[in-house]
Every structure is written in C-alpha cells, then in structure tokens.
Amino acid sequence: MRRWLVVVRLDTRVELAQVRLGLGLGLLGGMRLLWTLV
C-alpha cells in the first residue's frame, strides 16, 4: 500500500511539472506573439 501511495504521489508530481511547463511555454509563446505584433 505504501509503495502504491508513493507511485501515485510521483505521478501527480510529474503531472504538475508537465502542467507548469505547458503554462510556462504558453506564456513565452504569448509574449513572443505580443512582441512581434508590437
């Protein structure tokens, strides 16, 4: 049971990291678009 909980925690951490990366890349892309428009 403990191992399963650890695996679930690791999965959630990986998912959060991916979400953060996606948001960061999206923000960078938006900034670049704004800079090119301006």
PDB file of N, CA and C in Angstrom:
ATOM      1  N   MET A   1       0.838  -1.204   0.000  1.00  0.00           N
ATOM      2  CA  MET A   1       0.000   0.000   0.000  1.00  0.00           C
ATOM      3  C   MET A   1       0.875   1.256   0.000  1.00  0.00           C
ATOM      4  N   ARG A   2       1.886   1.250   0.836  1.00  0.00           N
ATOM      5  CA  ARG A   2       2.753   2.437   0.902  1.00  0.00           C
ATOM      6  C   ARG A   2       3.404   2.696  -0.451  1.00  0.00           C
ATOM      7  N   ARG A   3       3.887   1.629  -1.086  1.00  0.00           N
ATOM      8  CA  ARG A   3       4.530   1.803  -2.396  1.00  0.00           C
ATOM      9  C   ARG A   3       3.546   2.412  -3.381  1.00  0.00           C
ATOM     10  N   TRP A   4       2.303   1.928  -3.363  1.00  0.00           N
ATOM     11  CA  TRP A   4       1.292   2.434  -4.295  1.00  0.00           C
ATOM     12  C   TRP A   4       1.077   3.940  -4.069  1.00  0.00           C
ATOM     13  N   LEU A   5       1.013   4.339  -2.789  1.00  0.00           N
ATOM     14  CA  LEU A   5       0.825   5.759  -2.479  1.00  0.00           C
ATOM     15  C   LEU A   5       1.999   6.577  -3.006  1.00  0.00           C
ATOM     16  N   VAL A   6       3.205   6.058  -2.857  1.00  0.00           N
ATOM     17  CA  VAL A   6       4.395   6.778  -3.337  1.00  0.00           C
ATOM     18  C   VAL A   6       4.329   6.929  -4.848  1.00  0.00           C
ATOM     19  N   VAL A   7       3.917   5.855  -5.541  1.00  0.00           N
ATOM     20  CA  VAL A   7       3.818   5.917  -7.007  1.00  0.00           C
ATOM     21  C   VAL A   7       2.793   6.962  -7.416  1.00  0.00           C
ATOM     22  N   VAL A   8       1.654   6.990  -6.724  1.00  0.00           N
ATOM     23  CA  VAL A   8       0.611   7.973  -7.040  1.00  0.00           C
ATOM     24  C   VAL A   8       1.146   9.385  -6.823  1.00  0.00           C
ATOM     25  N   ARG A   9       1.870   9.578  -5.732  1.00  0.00           N
ATOM     26  CA  ARG A   9       2.430  10.907  -5.452  1.00  0.00           C
ATOM     27  C   ARG A   9       3.402  11.317  -6.550  1.00  0.00           C
ATOM     28  N   LEU A  10       4.243  10.382  -6.994  1.00  0.00           N
ATOM     29  CA  LEU A  10       5.202  10.691  -8.059  1.00  0.00           C
ATOM     30  C   LEU A  10       4.460  11.048  -9.337  1.00  0.00           C
ATOM     31  N   ASP A  11       3.390  10.300  -9.647  1.00  0.00           N
ATOM     32  CA  ASP A  11       2.612  10.585 -10.856  1.00  0.00           C
ATOM     33  C   ASP A  11       2.024  11.992 -10.789  1.00  0.00           C
ATOM     34  N   THR A  12       1.459  12.359  -9.638  1.00  0.00           N
ATOM     35  CA  THR A  12       0.865  13.685  -9.509  1.00  0.00           C
ATOM     36  C   THR A  12       1.941  14.758  -9.641  1.00  0.00           C
ATOM     37  N   ARG A  13       3.128  14.481  -9.103  1.00  0.00           N
ATOM     38  CA  ARG A  13       4.225  15.462  -9.213  1.00  0.00           C
ATOM     39  C   ARG A  13       4.608  15.649 -10.670  1.00  0.00           C
ATOM     40  N   VAL A  14       4.708  14.544 -11.411  1.00  0.00           N
ATOM     41  CA  VAL A  14       5.072  14.623 -12.830  1.00  0.00           C
ATOM     42  C   VAL A  14       4.006  15.394 -13.594  1.00  0.00           C
ATOM     43  N   GLU A  15       2.728  15.117 -13.280  1.00  0.00           N
ATOM     44  CA  GLU A  15       1.644  15.820 -13.967  1.00  0.00           C
ATOM     45  C   GLU A  15       1.717  17.315 -13.678  1.00  0.00           C
ATOM     46  N   LEU A  16       1.964  17.681 -12.426  1.00  0.00           N
ATOM     47  CA  LEU A  16       2.061  19.098 -12.069  1.00  0.00           C
ATOM     48  C   LEU A  16       3.231  19.750 -12.804  1.00  0.00           C
ATOM     49  N   ALA A  17       4.353  19.040 -12.894  1.00  0.00           N
ATOM     50  CA  ALA A  17       5.523  19.577 -13.593  1.00  0.00           C
ATOM     51  C   ALA A  17       5.182  19.804 -15.060  1.00  0.00           C
ATOM     52  N   GLN A  18       4.469  18.857 -15.669  1.00  0.00           N
ATOM     53  CA  GLN A  18       4.104  18.998 -17.080  1.00  0.00           C
ATOM     54  C   GLN A  18       3.176  20.189 -17.263  1.00  0.00           C
ATOM     55  N   VAL A  19       2.226  20.349 -16.341  1.00  0.00           N
ATOM     56  CA  VAL A  19       1.294  21.483 -16.430  1.00  0.00           C
ATOM     57  C   VAL A  19       2.063  22.796 -16.312  1.00  0.00           C
ATOM     58  N   ARG A  20       3.000  22.850 -15.371  1.00  0.00           N
ATOM     59  CA  ARG A  20       3.797  24.079 -15.199  1.00  0.00           C
ATOM     60  C   ARG A  20       4.588  24.376 -16.462  1.00  0.00           C
ATOM     61  N   LEU A  21       5.195  23.323 -17.047  1.00  0.00           N
ATOM     62  CA  LEU A  21       5.965  23.521 -18.280  1.00  0.00           C
ATOM     63  C   LEU A  21       5.054  24.030 -19.383  1.00  0.00           C
ATOM     64  N   GLY A  22       3.867  23.437 -19.499  1.00  0.00           N
ATOM     65  CA  GLY A  22       2.923  23.845 -20.547  1.00  0.00           C
ATOM     66  C   GLY A  22       2.527  25.307 -20.369  1.00  0.00           C
ATOM     67  N   LEU A  23       2.215  25.697 -19.136  1.00  0.00           N
ATOM     68  CA  LEU A  23       1.826  27.087 -18.875  1.00  0.00           C
ATOM     69  C   LEU A  23       2.988  28.029 -19.165  1.00  0.00           C
ATOM     70  N   GLY A  24       4.191  27.636 -18.755  1.00  0.00           N
ATOM     71  CA  GLY A  24       5.369  28.476 -18.991  1.00  0.00           C
ATOM     72  C   GLY A  24       5.608  28.667 -20.477  1.00  0.00           C
ATOM     73  N   LEU A  25       5.542  27.572 -21.236  1.00  0.00           N
ATOM     74  CA  LEU A  25       5.761  27.665 -22.684  1.00  0.00           C
ATOM     75  C   LEU A  25       4.658  28.502 -23.320  1.00  0.00           C
ATOM     76  N   GLY A  26       3.432  28.332 -22.853  1.00  0.00           N
ATOM     77  CA  GLY A  26       2.314  29.107 -23.400  1.00  0.00           C
ATOM     78  C   GLY A  26       2.521  30.595 -23.147  1.00  0.00           C
ATOM     79  N   LEU A  27       2.960  30.938 -21.926  1.00  0.00           N
ATOM     80  CA  LEU A  27       3.207  32.347 -21.607  1.00  0.00           C
ATOM     81  C   LEU A  27       4.324  32.905 -22.484  1.00  0.00           C
ATOM     82  N   LEU A  28       5.399  32.122 -22.662  1.00  0.00           N
ATOM     83  CA  LEU A  28       6.513  32.577 -23.501  1.00  0.00           C
ATOM     84  C   LEU A  28       6.032  32.786 -24.933  1.00  0.00           C
ATOM     85  N   GLY A  29       5.217  31.848 -25.427  1.00  0.00           N
ATOM     86  CA  GLY A  29       4.693  31.971 -26.792  1.00  0.00           C
ATOM     87  C   GLY A  29       3.834  33.221 -26.923  1.00  0.00           C
ATOM     88  N   GLY A  30       2.988  33.473 -25.925  1.00  0.00           N
ATOM     89  CA  GLY A  30       2.131  34.655 -25.959  1.00  0.00           C
ATOM     90  C   GLY A  30       2.966  35.929 -25.933  1.00  0.00           C
ATOM     91  N   MET A  31       4.002  35.957 -25.113  1.00  0.00           N
ATOM     92  CA  MET A  31       4.867  37.131 -25.038  1.00  0.00           C
ATOM     93  C   MET A  31       5.527  37.380 -26.388  1.00  0.00           C
ATOM     94  N   ARG A  32       6.008  36.301 -27.022  1.00  0.00           N
ATOM     95  CA  ARG A  32       6.657  36.454 -28.329  1.00  0.00           C
ATOM     96  C   ARG A  32       5.667  37.009 -29.344  1.00  0.00           C
ATOM     97  N   LEU A  33       4.434  36.492 -29.326  1.00  0.00           N
ATOM     98  CA  LEU A  33       3.424  36.984 -30.271  1.00  0.00           C
ATOM     99  C   LEU A  33       3.161  38.469 -30.028  1.00  0.00           C
ATOM    100  N   LEU A  34       3.047  38.858 -28.758  1.00  0.00           N
ATOM    101  CA  LEU A  34       2.812  40.270 -28.443  1.00  0.00           C
ATOM    102  C   LEU A  34       3.979  41.127 -28.930  1.00  0.00           C
ATOM    103  N   TRP A  35       5.216  40.646 -28.709  1.00  0.00           N
ATOM    104  CA  TRP A  35       6.385  41.417 -29.132  1.00  0.00           C
ATOM    105  C   TRP A  35       6.403  41.577 -30.643  1.00  0.00           C
ATOM    106  N   THR A  36       6.068  40.477 -31.383  1.00  0.00           N
ATOM    107  CA  THR A  36       6.091  40.551 -32.846  1.00  0.00           C
ATOM    108  C   THR A  36       4.994  41.492 -33.334  1.00  0.00           C
ATOM    109  N   LEU A  37       3.835  41.491 -32.663  1.00  0.00           N
ATOM    110  CA  LEU A  37       2.742  42.377 -33.067  1.00  0.00           C
ATOM    111  C   LEU A  37       3.118  43.827 -32.788  1.00  0.00           C
ATOM    112  N   VAL A  38       3.790  44.068 -31.653  1.00  0.00           N
ATOM    113  CA  VAL A  38       4.173  45.443 -31.293  1.00  0.00           C
ATOM    114  C   VAL A  38       5.478  45.787 -32.000  1.00  0.00           C
TER     115      VAL A  38
END
